[in-house]
Amino acid sequence: MSEFKLRILIKARKEFINAFYWYEEQKDGLGDKFSLEIEHSLNLIQKNPNHYPTKINPLKEFVIKKYPFVISYKIKNNSKEIIIASIFHTKRNPTLK
């Protein structure tokens, strides 16, 4: 089985960077732990993108267990690509996803 390629949209990159720095300000090294958890989550999505539920068609959501975030993404089967649309804090207004 060939893996899908990941493409992370600018919005998702900004959300990740902002969260990384926020966690790092809370405690030295916590941003790195957050980063590793995101990387692990993206690897799981990449290995089995259809496993996670569709929330708002066509977006699927992966719930991160250790942090209050979800990763929203869509699958482009024809190009074997996963587009990461958002790395979203669950306490924010969901209409901003």
Protein backbone atom coordinates (compact mmCIF):
# COMPACT_ATOMS: atom_id res chain seq x y z
CA MET A 1 0.00 0.00 0.00
CA SER A 2 1.47 3.32 -1.01
CA GLU A 3 1.32 6.17 1.45
CA PHE A 4 -0.39 9.41 0.75
CA LYS A 5 1.65 12.61 0.55
CA LEU A 6 0.91 15.31 3.11
CA ARG A 7 0.35 18.93 2.18
CA ILE A 8 -0.12 21.33 5.09
CA LEU A 9 -1.97 24.53 4.27
CA ILE A 10 -0.59 27.87 5.48
CA LYS A 11 -3.49 28.30 7.93
CA ALA A 12 -2.68 24.96 9.61
CA ARG A 13 1.04 25.82 9.72
CA LYS A 14 0.26 29.11 11.47
CA GLU A 15 -2.04 27.39 13.96
CA PHE A 16 0.70 24.86 14.73
CA ILE A 17 3.41 27.52 15.14
CA ASN A 18 1.22 29.64 17.43
CA ALA A 19 0.38 26.63 19.60
CA PHE A 20 4.04 25.53 19.69
CA TYR A 21 5.18 28.92 20.99
CA TRP A 22 2.31 29.13 23.46
CA TYR A 23 3.21 25.73 24.96
CA GLU A 24 6.90 26.65 24.99
CA GLU A 25 6.09 29.82 26.95
CA GLN A 26 4.22 27.74 29.53
CA LYS A 27 7.15 25.41 30.15
CA ASP A 28 10.50 24.99 28.44
CA GLY A 29 10.36 21.85 26.27
CA LEU A 30 6.56 21.58 26.24
CA GLY A 31 6.43 22.99 22.71
CA ASP A 32 8.74 20.19 21.58
CA LYS A 33 6.44 17.60 23.18
CA PHE A 34 3.47 19.17 21.41
CA SER A 35 5.40 19.10 18.13
CA LEU A 36 6.18 15.38 18.54
CA GLU A 37 2.52 14.64 19.24
CA ILE A 38 1.47 16.49 16.08
CA GLU A 39 4.11 14.62 14.07
CA HIS A 40 2.88 11.29 15.46
CA SER A 41 -0.73 12.23 14.64
CA LEU A 42 0.18 13.21 11.07
CA ASN A 43 1.95 9.86 10.63
CA LEU A 44 -1.18 8.00 11.77
CA ILE A 45 -3.34 10.02 9.38
CA GLN A 46 -0.89 9.40 6.54
CA LYS A 47 -0.87 5.64 7.11
CA ASN A 48 -4.65 5.25 7.26
CA PRO A 49 -6.42 8.45 6.15
CA ASN A 50 -9.85 6.87 5.71
CA HIS A 51 -9.96 5.54 9.26
CA TYR A 52 -10.99 8.82 10.90
CA PRO A 53 -14.53 10.26 10.79
CA THR A 54 -15.84 12.81 8.35
CA LYS A 55 -17.19 15.76 10.33
CA ILE A 56 -18.01 18.37 7.71
CA ASN A 57 -17.84 16.88 4.24
CA PRO A 58 -15.21 16.57 2.80
CA LEU A 59 -13.19 17.24 5.98
CA LYS A 60 -12.18 14.42 8.28
CA GLU A 61 -11.00 14.97 11.86
CA PHE A 62 -8.29 13.37 13.91
CA VAL A 63 -8.62 14.04 17.66
CA ILE A 64 -5.30 14.47 19.44
CA LYS A 65 -5.48 12.67 22.77
CA LYS A 66 -2.79 14.49 24.78
CA TYR A 67 -3.65 18.05 23.72
CA PRO A 68 -6.99 19.83 23.10
CA PHE A 69 -6.56 19.91 19.32
CA VAL A 70 -8.06 18.29 16.25
CA ILE A 71 -6.48 17.98 12.84
CA SER A 72 -8.93 18.61 10.00
CA TYR A 73 -7.98 17.23 6.61
CA LYS A 74 -9.30 16.11 3.27
CA ILE A 75 -8.19 13.29 1.03
CA LYS A 76 -7.50 13.62 -2.68
CA ASN A 77 -7.50 9.99 -3.78
CA ASN A 78 -6.67 10.75 -7.40
CA SER A 79 -3.35 12.37 -6.44
CA LYS A 80 -2.76 10.26 -3.28
CA GLU A 81 -2.61 13.45 -1.25
CA ILE A 82 -3.83 14.45 2.21
CA ILE A 83 -4.42 18.16 2.65
CA ILE A 84 -4.14 19.33 6.26
CA ALA A 85 -6.59 22.22 6.49
CA SER A 86 -6.40 23.01 10.20
CA ILE A 87 -4.68 22.16 13.48
CA PHE A 88 -7.44 23.53 15.61
CA HIS A 89 -7.71 24.14 19.37
CA THR A 90 -10.97 22.59 20.54
CA LYS A 91 -11.85 25.52 22.83
CA ARG A 92 -12.02 27.93 19.90
CA ASN A 93 -15.19 28.74 18.01
CA PRO A 94 -15.70 25.74 15.67
CA THR A 95 -16.92 27.98 12.85
CA LEU A 96 -13.31 29.20 12.53
CA LYS A 97 -12.06 25.77 11.38
